[in-house]
Amino acid sequence: MTLAEARRGTRVCIAGIGDAVPAARREHLQAYGLAAGQRVRVVQQSPVTVVQIEHTELALDAELACAIDVWTGEELVDLENDGT
């Protein structure tokens, strides 16, 4: 699932940022905390995707949101149980 597909109000875990995203932009996103393994809350999906990362809200255009893979729901529960 991509970040663009996640429902407003849900918490998701970033699985990865697609290779189509330039390295410089990926590093910029990581500076804001948007990196693999980070949990974020989807605040809105229209007109842009907005996510909350700890105390920061970050707006992402549709193309970028489609390039970010996320885990949600049962996938997150499975990840949490792997560590126990």
PDB file of N, CA and C in Angstrom:
ATOM      1  N   MET A   1       0.847  -1.167   0.000  1.00  0.00           N
ATOM      2  CA  MET A   1       0.000   0.000   0.000  1.00  0.00           C
ATOM      3  C   MET A   1       0.898   1.237   0.000  1.00  0.00           C
ATOM      4  N   THR A   2       0.439   2.285  -0.647  1.00  0.00           N
ATOM      5  CA  THR A   2       1.206   3.523  -0.640  1.00  0.00           C
ATOM      6  C   THR A   2       0.604   4.506   0.354  1.00  0.00           C
ATOM      7  N   LEU A   3       1.370   5.513   0.686  1.00  0.00           N
ATOM      8  CA  LEU A   3       0.891   6.545   1.602  1.00  0.00           C
ATOM      9  C   LEU A   3      -0.337   7.246   1.027  1.00  0.00           C
ATOM     10  N   ALA A   4      -0.393   7.389  -0.292  1.00  0.00           N
ATOM     11  CA  ALA A   4      -1.540   8.032  -0.938  1.00  0.00           C
ATOM     12  C   ALA A   4      -2.826   7.230  -0.741  1.00  0.00           C
ATOM     13  N   GLU A   5      -2.714   5.938  -0.496  1.00  0.00           N
ATOM     14  CA  GLU A   5      -3.880   5.066  -0.330  1.00  0.00           C
ATOM     15  C   GLU A   5      -4.336   4.941   1.125  1.00  0.00           C
ATOM     16  N   ALA A   6      -3.518   5.376   2.049  1.00  0.00           N
ATOM     17  CA  ALA A   6      -3.857   5.247   3.473  1.00  0.00           C
ATOM     18  C   ALA A   6      -5.004   6.182   3.834  1.00  0.00           C
ATOM     19  N   ARG A   7      -5.881   5.705   4.675  1.00  0.00           N
ATOM     20  CA  ARG A   7      -7.046   6.498   5.065  1.00  0.00           C
ATOM     21  C   ARG A   7      -6.677   7.569   6.072  1.00  0.00           C
ATOM     22  N   ARG A   8      -7.358   8.688   5.972  1.00  0.00           N
ATOM     23  CA  ARG A   8      -7.177   9.793   6.919  1.00  0.00           C
ATOM     24  C   ARG A   8      -7.452   9.289   8.332  1.00  0.00           C
ATOM     25  N   GLY A   9      -6.580   9.673   9.264  1.00  0.00           N
ATOM     26  CA  GLY A   9      -6.748   9.291  10.658  1.00  0.00           C
ATOM     27  C   GLY A   9      -6.023   8.017  11.047  1.00  0.00           C
ATOM     28  N   THR A  10      -5.502   7.276  10.078  1.00  0.00           N
ATOM     29  CA  THR A  10      -4.820   6.029  10.410  1.00  0.00           C
ATOM     30  C   THR A  10      -3.347   6.268  10.720  1.00  0.00           C
ATOM     31  N   ARG A  11      -2.787   5.340  11.495  1.00  0.00           N
ATOM     32  CA  ARG A  11      -1.344   5.355  11.760  1.00  0.00           C
ATOM     33  C   ARG A  11      -0.732   4.285  10.869  1.00  0.00           C
ATOM     34  N   VAL A  12       0.341   4.646  10.211  1.00  0.00           N
ATOM     35  CA  VAL A  12       1.030   3.717   9.323  1.00  0.00           C
ATOM     36  C   VAL A  12       2.514   3.754   9.627  1.00  0.00           C
ATOM     37  N   CYS A  13       3.210   2.756   9.151  1.00  0.00           N
ATOM     38  CA  CYS A  13       4.660   2.682   9.295  1.00  0.00           C
ATOM     39  C   CYS A  13       5.270   2.793   7.905  1.00  0.00           C
ATOM     40  N   ILE A  14       6.235   3.670   7.751  1.00  0.00           N
ATOM     41  CA  ILE A  14       6.881   3.841   6.459  1.00  0.00           C
ATOM     42  C   ILE A  14       7.698   2.589   6.146  1.00  0.00           C
ATOM     43  N   ALA A  15       7.395   1.948   5.017  1.00  0.00           N
ATOM     44  CA  ALA A  15       8.125   0.756   4.588  1.00  0.00           C
ATOM     45  C   ALA A  15       9.331   1.152   3.739  1.00  0.00           C
ATOM     46  N   GLY A  16       9.188   2.211   2.977  1.00  0.00           N
ATOM     47  CA  GLY A  16      10.288   2.665   2.139  1.00  0.00           C
ATOM     48  C   GLY A  16       9.846   3.743   1.181  1.00  0.00           C
ATOM     49  N   ILE A  17      10.822   4.452   0.650  1.00  0.00           N
ATOM     50  CA  ILE A  17      10.571   5.502  -0.336  1.00  0.00           C
ATOM     51  C   ILE A  17      11.109   4.997  -1.661  1.00  0.00           C
ATOM     52  N   GLY A  18      10.273   5.053  -2.691  1.00  0.00           N
ATOM     53  CA  GLY A  18      10.612   4.491  -3.992  1.00  0.00           C
ATOM     54  C   GLY A  18      11.880   5.054  -4.617  1.00  0.00           C
ATOM     55  N   ASP A  19      12.496   4.232  -5.440  1.00  0.00           N
ATOM     56  CA  ASP A  19      13.732   4.612  -6.118  1.00  0.00           C
ATOM     57  C   ASP A  19      13.531   5.772  -7.092  1.00  0.00           C
ATOM     58  N   ALA A  20      12.299   6.018  -7.519  1.00  0.00           N
ATOM     59  CA  ALA A  20      12.016   7.117  -8.443  1.00  0.00           C
ATOM     60  C   ALA A  20      12.204   8.485  -7.770  1.00  0.00           C
ATOM     61  N   VAL A  21      12.193   8.495  -6.436  1.00  0.00           N
ATOM     62  CA  VAL A  21      12.397   9.745  -5.696  1.00  0.00           C
ATOM     63  C   VAL A  21      13.897  10.025  -5.667  1.00  0.00           C
ATOM     64  N   PRO A  22      14.311  11.207  -6.154  1.00  0.00           N
ATOM     65  CA  PRO A  22      15.745  11.533  -6.173  1.00  0.00           C
ATOM     66  C   PRO A  22      16.364  11.449  -4.773  1.00  0.00           C
ATOM     67  N   ALA A  23      17.619  11.051  -4.733  1.00  0.00           N
ATOM     68  CA  ALA A  23      18.317  10.869  -3.457  1.00  0.00           C
ATOM     69  C   ALA A  23      18.299  12.136  -2.604  1.00  0.00           C
ATOM     70  N   ALA A  24      18.466  13.284  -3.224  1.00  0.00           N
ATOM     71  CA  ALA A  24      18.472  14.543  -2.458  1.00  0.00           C
ATOM     72  C   ALA A  24      17.119  14.782  -1.793  1.00  0.00           C
ATOM     73  N   ARG A  25      16.042  14.465  -2.502  1.00  0.00           N
ATOM     74  CA  ARG A  25      14.705  14.652  -1.915  1.00  0.00           C
ATOM     75  C   ARG A  25      14.475  13.639  -0.800  1.00  0.00           C
ATOM     76  N   ARG A  26      14.960  12.415  -0.993  1.00  0.00           N
ATOM     77  CA  ARG A  26      14.836  11.380   0.038  1.00  0.00           C
ATOM     78  C   ARG A  26      15.559  11.803   1.312  1.00  0.00           C
ATOM     79  N   GLU A  27      16.755  12.364   1.159  1.00  0.00           N
ATOM     80  CA  GLU A  27      17.511  12.845   2.316  1.00  0.00           C
ATOM     81  C   GLU A  27      16.783  13.990   3.015  1.00  0.00           C
ATOM     82  N   HIS A  28      16.161  14.851   2.233  1.00  0.00           N
ATOM     83  CA  HIS A  28      15.393  15.967   2.797  1.00  0.00           C
ATOM     84  C   HIS A  28      14.229  15.427   3.638  1.00  0.00           C
ATOM     85  N   LEU A  29      13.534  14.430   3.115  1.00  0.00           N
ATOM     86  CA  LEU A  29      12.414  13.823   3.852  1.00  0.00           C
ATOM     87  C   LEU A  29      12.913  13.146   5.127  1.00  0.00           C
ATOM     88  N   GLN A  30      14.058  12.482   5.048  1.00  0.00           N
ATOM     89  CA  GLN A  30      14.622  11.823   6.226  1.00  0.00           C
ATOM     90  C   GLN A  30      14.993  12.841   7.300  1.00  0.00           C
ATOM     91  N   ALA A  31      15.390  14.032   6.889  1.00  0.00           N
ATOM     92  CA  ALA A  31      15.715  15.080   7.860  1.00  0.00           C
ATOM     93  C   ALA A  31      14.483  15.482   8.670  1.00  0.00           C
ATOM     94  N   TYR A  32      13.296  15.321   8.069  1.00  0.00           N
ATOM     95  CA  TYR A  32      12.042  15.592   8.776  1.00  0.00           C
ATOM     96  C   TYR A  32      11.538  14.373   9.543  1.00  0.00           C
ATOM     97  N   GLY A  33      12.240  13.264   9.416  1.00  0.00           N
ATOM     98  CA  GLY A  33      11.845  12.051  10.124  1.00  0.00           C
ATOM     99  C   GLY A  33      11.050  11.077   9.293  1.00  0.00           C
ATOM    100  N   LEU A  34      10.840  11.380   8.023  1.00  0.00           N
ATOM    101  CA  LEU A  34      10.090  10.487   7.147  1.00  0.00           C
ATOM    102  C   LEU A  34      11.066   9.482   6.544  1.00  0.00           C
ATOM    103  N   ALA A  35      11.227   8.351   7.238  1.00  0.00           N
ATOM    104  CA  ALA A  35      12.189   7.333   6.833  1.00  0.00           C
ATOM    105  C   ALA A  35      11.612   5.952   7.140  1.00  0.00           C
ATOM    106  N   ALA A  36      12.180   4.936   6.527  1.00  0.00           N
ATOM    107  CA  ALA A  36      11.730   3.561   6.757  1.00  0.00           C
ATOM    108  C   ALA A  36      11.720   3.244   8.241  1.00  0.00           C
ATOM    109  N   GLY A  37      10.626   2.642   8.685  1.00  0.00           N
ATOM    110  CA  GLY A  37      10.482   2.272  10.089  1.00  0.00           C
ATOM    111  C   GLY A  37       9.777   3.314  10.938  1.00  0.00           C
ATOM    112  N   GLN A  38       9.644   4.526  10.434  1.00  0.00           N
ATOM    113  CA  GLN A  38       8.997   5.602  11.195  1.00  0.00           C
ATOM    114  C   GLN A  38       7.478   5.462  11.121  1.00  0.00           C
ATOM    115  N   ARG A  39       6.837   5.617  12.248  1.00  0.00           N
ATOM    116  CA  ARG A  39       5.368   5.594  12.284  1.00  0.00           C
ATOM    117  C   ARG A  39       4.851   7.012  12.157  1.00  0.00           C
ATOM    118  N   VAL A  40       3.835   7.172  11.309  1.00  0.00           N
ATOM    119  CA  VAL A  40       3.241   8.490  11.084  1.00  0.00           C
ATOM    120  C   VAL A  40       1.727   8.360  11.132  1.00  0.00           C
ATOM    121  N   ARG A  41       1.064   9.490  11.348  1.00  0.00           N
ATOM    122  CA  ARG A  41      -0.405   9.527  11.313  1.00  0.00           C
ATOM    123  C   ARG A  41      -0.817  10.316  10.086  1.00  0.00           C
ATOM    124  N   VAL A  42      -1.760   9.778   9.322  1.00  0.00           N
ATOM    125  CA  VAL A  42      -2.259  10.460   8.133  1.00  0.00           C
ATOM    126  C   VAL A  42      -3.307  11.480   8.594  1.00  0.00           C
ATOM    127  N   VAL A  43      -3.009  12.748   8.400  1.00  0.00           N
ATOM    128  CA  VAL A  43      -3.889  13.834   8.846  1.00  0.00           C
ATOM    129  C   VAL A  43      -4.934  14.147   7.781  1.00  0.00           C
ATOM    130  N   GLN A  44      -4.519  14.199   6.513  1.00  0.00           N
ATOM    131  CA  GLN A  44      -5.461  14.457   5.421  1.00  0.00           C
ATOM    132  C   GLN A  44      -4.923  13.882   4.132  1.00  0.00           C
ATOM    133  N   GLN A  45      -5.827  13.728   3.156  1.00  0.00           N
ATOM    134  CA  GLN A  45      -5.436  13.203   1.843  1.00  0.00           C
ATOM    135  C   GLN A  45      -5.796  14.156   0.702  1.00  0.00           C
ATOM    136  N   SER A  46      -6.542  15.191   0.980  1.00  0.00           N
ATOM    137  CA  SER A  46      -6.950  16.089  -0.088  1.00  0.00           C
ATOM    138  C   SER A  46      -6.950  17.523   0.414  1.00  0.00           C
ATOM    139  N   PRO A  47      -6.406  18.458  -0.306  1.00  0.00           N
ATOM    140  CA  PRO A  47      -5.882  18.369  -1.677  1.00  0.00           C
ATOM    141  C   PRO A  47      -4.472  17.791  -1.752  1.00  0.00           C
ATOM    142  N   VAL A  48      -3.778  17.692  -0.626  1.00  0.00           N
ATOM    143  CA  VAL A  48      -2.465  17.046  -0.574  1.00  0.00           C
ATOM    144  C   VAL A  48      -2.465  16.080   0.601  1.00  0.00           C
ATOM    145  N   THR A  49      -1.508  15.168   0.621  1.00  0.00           N
ATOM    146  CA  THR A  49      -1.361  14.258   1.753  1.00  0.00           C
ATOM    147  C   THR A  49      -0.577  14.971   2.850  1.00  0.00           C
ATOM    148  N   VAL A  50      -1.131  14.968   4.051  1.00  0.00           N
ATOM    149  CA  VAL A  50      -0.452  15.558   5.202  1.00  0.00           C
ATOM    150  C   VAL A  50      -0.272  14.463   6.237  1.00  0.00           C
ATOM    151  N   VAL A  51       0.969  14.307   6.709  1.00  0.00           N
ATOM    152  CA  VAL A  51       1.260  13.325   7.748  1.00  0.00           C
ATOM    153  C   VAL A  51       1.837  14.027   8.962  1.00  0.00           C
ATOM    154  N   GLN A  52       1.584  13.446  10.125  1.00  0.00           N
ATOM    155  CA  GLN A  52       2.167  13.946  11.368  1.00  0.00           C
ATOM    156  C   GLN A  52       3.257  12.981  11.792  1.00  0.00           C
ATOM    157  N   ILE A  53       4.462  13.532  11.958  1.00  0.00           N
ATOM    158  CA  ILE A  53       5.620  12.770  12.410  1.00  0.00           C
ATOM    159  C   ILE A  53       6.018  13.374  13.745  1.00  0.00           C
ATOM    160  N   GLU A  54       5.680  12.683  14.818  1.00  0.00           N
ATOM    161  CA  GLU A  54       5.865  13.208  16.170  1.00  0.00           C
ATOM    162  C   GLU A  54       5.143  14.550  16.279  1.00  0.00           C
ATOM    163  N   HIS A  55       5.860  15.676  16.395  1.00  0.00           N
ATOM    164  CA  HIS A  55       5.209  16.974  16.557  1.00  0.00           C
ATOM    165  C   HIS A  55       5.227  17.811  15.279  1.00  0.00           C
ATOM    166  N   THR A  56       5.592  17.196  14.159  1.00  0.00           N
ATOM    167  CA  THR A  56       5.708  17.906  12.894  1.00  0.00           C
ATOM    168  C   THR A  56       4.675  17.398  11.905  1.00  0.00           C
ATOM    169  N   GLU A  57       4.009  18.336  11.201  1.00  0.00           N
ATOM    170  CA  GLU A  57       3.126  17.956  10.109  1.00  0.00           C
ATOM    171  C   GLU A  57       3.830  18.280   8.799  1.00  0.00           C
ATOM    172  N   LEU A  58       3.772  17.340   7.868  1.00  0.00           N
ATOM    173  CA  LEU A  58       4.477  17.465   6.607  1.00  0.00           C
ATOM    174  C   LEU A  58       3.481  17.245   5.468  1.00  0.00           C
ATOM    175  N   ALA A  59       3.410  18.201   4.533  1.00  0.00           N
ATOM    176  CA  ALA A  59       2.527  18.094   3.368  1.00  0.00           C
ATOM    177  C   ALA A  59       3.307  17.513   2.199  1.00  0.00           C
ATOM    178  N   LEU A  60       2.708  16.534   1.520  1.00  0.00           N
ATOM    179  CA  LEU A  60       3.356  15.842   0.402  1.00  0.00           C
ATOM    180  C   LEU A  60       2.448  15.884  -0.820  1.00  0.00           C
ATOM    181  N   ASP A  61       3.035  16.176  -1.981  1.00  0.00           N
ATOM    182  CA  ASP A  61       2.222  16.161  -3.196  1.00  0.00           C
ATOM    183  C   ASP A  61       1.843  14.723  -3.540  1.00  0.00           C
ATOM    184  N   ALA A  62       0.858  14.580  -4.429  1.00  0.00           N
ATOM    185  CA  ALA A  62       0.308  13.261  -4.755  1.00  0.00           C
ATOM    186  C   ALA A  62       1.365  12.324  -5.335  1.00  0.00           C
ATOM    187  N   GLU A  63       2.233  12.843  -6.190  1.00  0.00           N
ATOM    188  CA  GLU A  63       3.271  12.004  -6.812  1.00  0.00           C
ATOM    189  C   GLU A  63       4.207  11.408  -5.758  1.00  0.00           C
ATOM    190  N   LEU A  64       4.591  12.227  -4.785  1.00  0.00           N
ATOM    191  CA  LEU A  64       5.475  11.746  -3.730  1.00  0.00           C
ATOM    192  C   LEU A  64       4.751  10.755  -2.823  1.00  0.00           C
ATOM    193  N   ALA A  65       3.512  11.055  -2.448  1.00  0.00           N
ATOM    194  CA  ALA A  65       2.749  10.150  -1.584  1.00  0.00           C
ATOM    195  C   ALA A  65       2.575   8.780  -2.233  1.00  0.00           C
ATOM    196  N   CYS A  66       2.460   8.760  -3.566  1.00  0.00           N
ATOM    197  CA  CYS A  66       2.332   7.485  -4.287  1.00  0.00           C
ATOM    198  C   CYS A  66       3.641   6.704  -4.316  1.00  0.00           C
ATOM    199  N   ALA A  67       4.751   7.381  -4.096  1.00  0.00           N
ATOM    200  CA  ALA A  67       6.068   6.732  -4.144  1.00  0.00           C
ATOM    201  C   ALA A  67       6.527   6.223  -2.787  1.00  0.00           C
ATOM    202  N   ILE A  68       5.711   6.434  -1.746  1.00  0.00           N
ATOM    203  CA  ILE A  68       6.077   6.010  -0.392  1.00  0.00           C
ATOM    204  C   ILE A  68       5.231   4.801  -0.009  1.00  0.00           C
ATOM    205  N   ASP A  69       5.886   3.677   0.224  1.00  0.00           N
ATOM    206  CA  ASP A  69       5.190   2.455   0.633  1.00  0.00           C
ATOM    207  C   ASP A  69       5.033   2.444   2.153  1.00  0.00           C
ATOM    208  N   VAL A  70       3.873   1.959   2.603  1.00  0.00           N
ATOM    209  CA  VAL A  70       3.599   1.913   4.041  1.00  0.00           C
ATOM    210  C   VAL A  70       3.031   0.565   4.440  1.00  0.00           C
ATOM    211  N   TRP A  71       3.165   0.261   5.716  1.00  0.00           N
ATOM    212  CA  TRP A  71       2.507  -0.886   6.339  1.00  0.00           C
ATOM    213  C   TRP A  71       1.397  -0.337   7.216  1.00  0.00           C
ATOM    214  N   THR A  72       0.330  -1.086   7.307  1.00  0.00           N
ATOM    215  CA  THR A  72      -0.784  -0.659   8.140  1.00  0.00           C
ATOM    216  C   THR A  72      -1.515  -1.882   8.679  1.00  0.00           C
ATOM    217  N   GLY A  73      -2.343  -1.667   9.669  1.00  0.00           N
ATOM    218  CA  GLY A  73      -3.204  -2.723  10.188  1.00  0.00           C
ATOM    219  C   GLY A  73      -2.467  -3.957  10.643  1.00  0.00           C
ATOM    220  N   GLU A  74      -2.848  -5.110  10.086  1.00  0.00           N
ATOM    221  CA  GLU A  74      -2.281  -6.395  10.497  1.00  0.00           C
ATOM    222  C   GLU A  74      -0.775  -6.451  10.271  1.00  0.00           C
ATOM    223  N   GLU A  75      -0.305  -5.778   9.242  1.00  0.00           N
ATOM    224  CA  GLU A  75       1.136  -5.773   8.974  1.00  0.00           C
ATOM    225  C   GLU A  75       1.896  -5.173  10.151  1.00  0.00           C
ATOM    226  N   LEU A  76       1.338  -4.106  10.758  1.00  0.00           N
ATOM    227  CA  LEU A  76       1.979  -3.476  11.915  1.00  0.00           C
ATOM    228  C   LEU A  76       1.942  -4.387  13.125  1.00  0.00           C
ATOM    229  N   VAL A  77       0.836  -5.069  13.332  1.00  0.00           N
ATOM    230  CA  VAL A  77       0.716  -5.999  14.463  1.00  0.00           C
ATOM    231  C   VAL A  77       1.757  -7.099  14.320  1.00  0.00           C
ATOM    232  N   ASP A  78       1.933  -7.613  13.086  1.00  0.00           N
ATOM    233  CA  ASP A  78       2.930  -8.658  12.856  1.00  0.00           C
ATOM    234  C   ASP A  78       4.337  -8.147  13.180  1.00  0.00           C
ATOM    235  N   LEU A  79       4.638  -6.896  12.788  1.00  0.00           N
ATOM    236  CA  LEU A  79       5.947  -6.325  13.085  1.00  0.00           C
ATOM    237  C   LEU A  79       6.171  -6.206  14.582  1.00  0.00           C
ATOM    238  N   GLU A  80       5.159  -5.756  15.311  1.00  0.00           N
ATOM    239  CA  GLU A  80       5.281  -5.596  16.756  1.00  0.00           C
ATOM    240  C   GLU A  80       5.485  -6.948  17.433  1.00  0.00           C
ATOM    241  N   ASN A  81       4.803  -7.980  16.948  1.00  0.00           N
ATOM    242  CA  ASN A  81       4.920  -9.305  17.566  1.00  0.00           C
ATOM    243  C   ASN A  81       6.254  -9.962  17.269  1.00  0.00           C
ATOM    244  N   ASP A  82       6.903  -9.587  16.163  1.00  0.00           N
ATOM    245  CA  ASP A  82       8.219 -10.154  15.835  1.00  0.00           C
ATOM    246  C   ASP A  82       9.258  -9.785  16.874  1.00  0.00           C
ATOM    247  N   GLY A  83       9.072  -8.654  17.530  1.00  0.00           N
ATOM    248  CA  GLY A  83      10.065  -8.197  18.505  1.00  0.00           C
ATOM    249  C   GLY A  83       9.866  -8.744  19.900  1.00  0.00           C
ATOM    250  N   THR A  84       8.823  -9.565  20.107  1.00  0.00           N
ATOM    251  CA  THR A  84       8.560 -10.073  21.458  1.00  0.00           C
ATOM    252  C   THR A  84       9.029 -11.491  21.634  1.00  0.00           C
TER     253      THR A  84
END
